Every structure is written in C-alpha cells, then in structure tokens.
C-alpha cells in the first residue's frame, strides 16, 4: 500500500518488474511513456517492467501496488 497526502509526488522512475496500481481512495495522476492518466477510486493502471512509473496525488491518496 502507498499513501500520499494531497499534492505529494513520487517522481517518475524506471522499475525492474511489472506492477498494477489500484486506487483505493482519492485521485491521482500517473505518468506513462505516452502522457499522463488521471485515475480515481476503483480504477487501475498497469506498467510493464520497462515502463517509467510514478504518481502525483490530487487528493489524499491510498493505492494498492501489486507487483510480479
């Protein structure tokens, strides 16, 4: 689980594994290699192992991270 207060950010970075982020609370902007995606409660995004990932909270945020 990842929790961020409104306005906080995890800078984009490259991972070494696939991951799914499921928003449990709040709204967030997730950067992708082709732009940005805004997600809310019960929405998710997947990244493959080579994609850059990060997040910026638009509201107090709780995200479930599931990685391979």
N, C-alpha and C. Protein backbone atom coordinates (compact mmCIF):
# COMPACT_ATOMS: atom_id res chain seq x y z
N UNK A 1 0.83 -1.18 0.00
CA UNK A 1 0.00 0.00 0.00
C UNK A 1 0.88 1.24 0.00
N UNK A 2 0.41 2.21 -0.72
CA UNK A 2 1.10 3.50 -0.78
C UNK A 2 0.07 4.57 -0.40
N UNK A 3 0.44 5.45 0.52
CA UNK A 3 -0.42 6.56 0.92
C UNK A 3 0.34 7.85 0.73
N UNK A 4 -0.31 8.83 0.09
CA UNK A 4 0.27 10.15 -0.11
C UNK A 4 -0.75 11.21 0.27
N UNK A 5 -0.31 12.25 0.93
CA UNK A 5 -1.16 13.41 1.18
C UNK A 5 -1.34 14.18 -0.12
N UNK A 6 -2.40 14.95 -0.21
CA UNK A 6 -2.69 15.75 -1.39
C UNK A 6 -1.48 16.58 -1.81
N UNK A 7 -1.15 16.54 -3.09
CA UNK A 7 -0.08 17.36 -3.64
C UNK A 7 1.30 16.72 -3.61
N UNK A 8 1.44 15.58 -2.94
CA UNK A 8 2.76 14.92 -2.90
C UNK A 8 2.97 14.07 -4.14
N UNK A 9 4.23 13.80 -4.44
CA UNK A 9 4.56 13.12 -5.69
C UNK A 9 5.69 12.12 -5.49
N UNK A 10 5.58 11.01 -6.18
CA UNK A 10 6.70 10.08 -6.35
C UNK A 10 7.18 10.30 -7.77
N UNK A 11 8.37 10.83 -7.91
CA UNK A 11 8.91 11.18 -9.23
C UNK A 11 8.96 9.95 -10.14
N UNK A 12 8.72 10.14 -11.42
CA UNK A 12 8.82 9.02 -12.36
C UNK A 12 10.20 8.37 -12.28
N UNK A 13 10.21 7.05 -12.33
CA UNK A 13 11.44 6.28 -12.27
C UNK A 13 11.21 4.95 -13.00
N UNK A 14 12.27 4.31 -13.40
CA UNK A 14 12.16 3.03 -14.09
C UNK A 14 12.15 1.91 -13.08
N UNK A 15 11.26 0.95 -13.28
CA UNK A 15 11.19 -0.21 -12.41
C UNK A 15 11.89 -1.39 -13.06
N UNK A 16 11.89 -2.50 -12.34
CA UNK A 16 12.51 -3.72 -12.86
C UNK A 16 11.50 -4.87 -12.88
N UNK A 17 10.20 -4.55 -12.72
CA UNK A 17 9.16 -5.56 -12.65
C UNK A 17 7.83 -4.96 -13.10
N UNK A 18 6.91 -5.79 -13.60
CA UNK A 18 5.57 -5.29 -13.91
C UNK A 18 4.84 -4.92 -12.61
N UNK A 19 3.92 -3.97 -12.69
CA UNK A 19 3.16 -3.56 -11.50
C UNK A 19 1.78 -3.07 -11.91
N UNK A 20 0.82 -3.28 -11.01
CA UNK A 20 -0.54 -2.74 -11.15
C UNK A 20 -0.77 -1.82 -9.96
N UNK A 21 -1.28 -0.61 -10.21
CA UNK A 21 -1.66 0.31 -9.15
C UNK A 21 -3.18 0.46 -9.17
N UNK A 22 -3.83 0.12 -8.07
CA UNK A 22 -5.28 0.24 -7.92
C UNK A 22 -5.57 1.34 -6.90
N UNK A 23 -6.31 2.36 -7.31
CA UNK A 23 -6.63 3.48 -6.41
C UNK A 23 -7.76 3.05 -5.48
N UNK A 24 -7.50 3.09 -4.19
CA UNK A 24 -8.49 2.74 -3.17
C UNK A 24 -9.17 3.97 -2.59
N UNK A 25 -8.46 5.11 -2.61
CA UNK A 25 -9.00 6.35 -2.05
C UNK A 25 -8.34 7.53 -2.76
N UNK A 26 -9.13 8.55 -3.10
CA UNK A 26 -8.58 9.77 -3.68
C UNK A 26 -8.48 9.74 -5.19
N UNK A 27 -7.72 10.71 -5.72
CA UNK A 27 -7.46 10.84 -7.16
C UNK A 27 -5.97 11.06 -7.35
N UNK A 28 -5.48 10.61 -8.51
CA UNK A 28 -4.04 10.64 -8.74
C UNK A 28 -3.77 10.80 -10.23
N UNK A 29 -2.61 11.35 -10.55
CA UNK A 29 -2.12 11.39 -11.93
C UNK A 29 -0.92 10.46 -12.01
N UNK A 30 -1.00 9.52 -12.95
CA UNK A 30 0.08 8.57 -13.17
C UNK A 30 0.74 8.89 -14.50
N UNK A 31 2.06 9.14 -14.50
CA UNK A 31 2.75 9.37 -15.76
C UNK A 31 2.93 8.05 -16.52
N UNK A 32 2.86 8.13 -17.84
CA UNK A 32 3.16 6.98 -18.69
C UNK A 32 4.15 7.42 -19.75
N UNK A 33 4.66 6.48 -20.50
CA UNK A 33 5.60 6.83 -21.56
C UNK A 33 4.93 7.64 -22.66
N UNK A 34 3.57 7.62 -22.71
CA UNK A 34 2.86 8.36 -23.76
C UNK A 34 2.03 9.52 -23.23
N UNK A 35 2.21 9.90 -21.98
CA UNK A 35 1.46 11.01 -21.40
C UNK A 35 1.12 10.78 -19.95
N UNK A 36 -0.04 11.31 -19.52
CA UNK A 36 -0.47 11.15 -18.13
C UNK A 36 -1.89 10.60 -18.10
N UNK A 37 -2.18 9.84 -17.04
CA UNK A 37 -3.51 9.27 -16.85
C UNK A 37 -4.00 9.65 -15.47
N UNK A 38 -5.21 10.24 -15.39
CA UNK A 38 -5.81 10.58 -14.10
C UNK A 38 -6.78 9.48 -13.72
N UNK A 39 -6.63 8.95 -12.50
CA UNK A 39 -7.47 7.86 -12.03
C UNK A 39 -8.09 8.19 -10.66
N UNK A 40 -9.25 7.58 -10.41
CA UNK A 40 -9.93 7.72 -9.13
C UNK A 40 -10.20 6.36 -8.52
N UNK A 41 -11.05 6.34 -7.51
CA UNK A 41 -11.36 5.13 -6.74
C UNK A 41 -11.81 3.99 -7.66
N UNK A 42 -11.24 2.81 -7.41
CA UNK A 42 -11.53 1.57 -8.14
C UNK A 42 -11.05 1.58 -9.58
N UNK A 43 -10.19 2.50 -9.94
CA UNK A 43 -9.57 2.49 -11.26
C UNK A 43 -8.11 2.07 -11.09
N UNK A 44 -7.56 1.50 -12.16
CA UNK A 44 -6.18 1.00 -12.06
C UNK A 44 -5.39 1.26 -13.32
N UNK A 45 -4.08 1.13 -13.19
CA UNK A 45 -3.15 1.25 -14.30
C UNK A 45 -2.12 0.14 -14.17
N UNK A 46 -1.68 -0.37 -15.30
CA UNK A 46 -0.63 -1.39 -15.30
C UNK A 46 0.61 -0.84 -16.00
N UNK A 47 1.76 -1.23 -15.51
CA UNK A 47 3.04 -0.87 -16.13
C UNK A 47 3.80 -2.17 -16.39
N UNK A 48 4.45 -2.26 -17.56
CA UNK A 48 5.32 -3.40 -17.77
C UNK A 48 6.66 -3.13 -17.11
N UNK A 49 7.54 -4.09 -17.13
CA UNK A 49 8.78 -3.95 -16.36
C UNK A 49 9.72 -2.86 -16.86
N UNK A 50 9.55 -2.40 -18.09
CA UNK A 50 10.47 -1.39 -18.62
C UNK A 50 9.88 0.02 -18.60
N UNK A 51 8.60 0.16 -18.28
CA UNK A 51 7.96 1.48 -18.31
C UNK A 51 8.31 2.32 -17.08
N UNK A 52 8.45 3.61 -17.31
CA UNK A 52 8.65 4.56 -16.22
C UNK A 52 7.33 4.69 -15.47
N UNK A 53 7.43 4.76 -14.12
CA UNK A 53 6.22 4.90 -13.30
C UNK A 53 6.44 5.89 -12.18
N UNK A 54 5.37 6.49 -11.72
CA UNK A 54 5.39 7.44 -10.62
C UNK A 54 3.95 7.81 -10.31
N UNK A 55 3.74 8.79 -9.44
CA UNK A 55 2.39 9.23 -9.14
C UNK A 55 2.41 10.59 -8.48
N UNK A 56 1.33 11.36 -8.72
CA UNK A 56 1.15 12.66 -8.08
C UNK A 56 -0.29 12.74 -7.58
N UNK A 57 -0.44 12.89 -6.26
CA UNK A 57 -1.78 12.87 -5.66
C UNK A 57 -2.50 14.20 -5.87
N UNK A 58 -3.75 14.11 -6.32
CA UNK A 58 -4.61 15.27 -6.46
C UNK A 58 -5.46 15.46 -5.21
N UNK A 59 -5.60 14.39 -4.44
CA UNK A 59 -6.32 14.35 -3.16
C UNK A 59 -5.54 13.41 -2.25
N UNK A 60 -5.87 13.38 -0.95
CA UNK A 60 -5.27 12.35 -0.10
C UNK A 60 -5.50 11.01 -0.78
N UNK A 61 -4.46 10.19 -0.86
CA UNK A 61 -4.46 9.04 -1.74
C UNK A 61 -4.02 7.76 -1.03
N UNK A 62 -4.71 6.67 -1.35
CA UNK A 62 -4.26 5.33 -0.97
C UNK A 62 -4.32 4.47 -2.21
N UNK A 63 -3.19 3.83 -2.51
CA UNK A 63 -3.07 3.00 -3.71
C UNK A 63 -2.55 1.62 -3.29
N UNK A 64 -3.15 0.59 -3.85
CA UNK A 64 -2.65 -0.77 -3.68
C UNK A 64 -1.71 -1.07 -4.84
N UNK A 65 -0.48 -1.44 -4.55
CA UNK A 65 0.51 -1.80 -5.58
C UNK A 65 0.66 -3.31 -5.59
N UNK A 66 0.47 -3.90 -6.76
CA UNK A 66 0.62 -5.34 -6.92
C UNK A 66 1.70 -5.56 -7.95
N UNK A 67 2.78 -6.23 -7.54
CA UNK A 67 3.88 -6.44 -8.46
C UNK A 67 4.15 -7.91 -8.66
N UNK A 68 4.74 -8.21 -9.79
CA UNK A 68 5.09 -9.58 -10.11
C UNK A 68 6.42 -9.93 -9.48
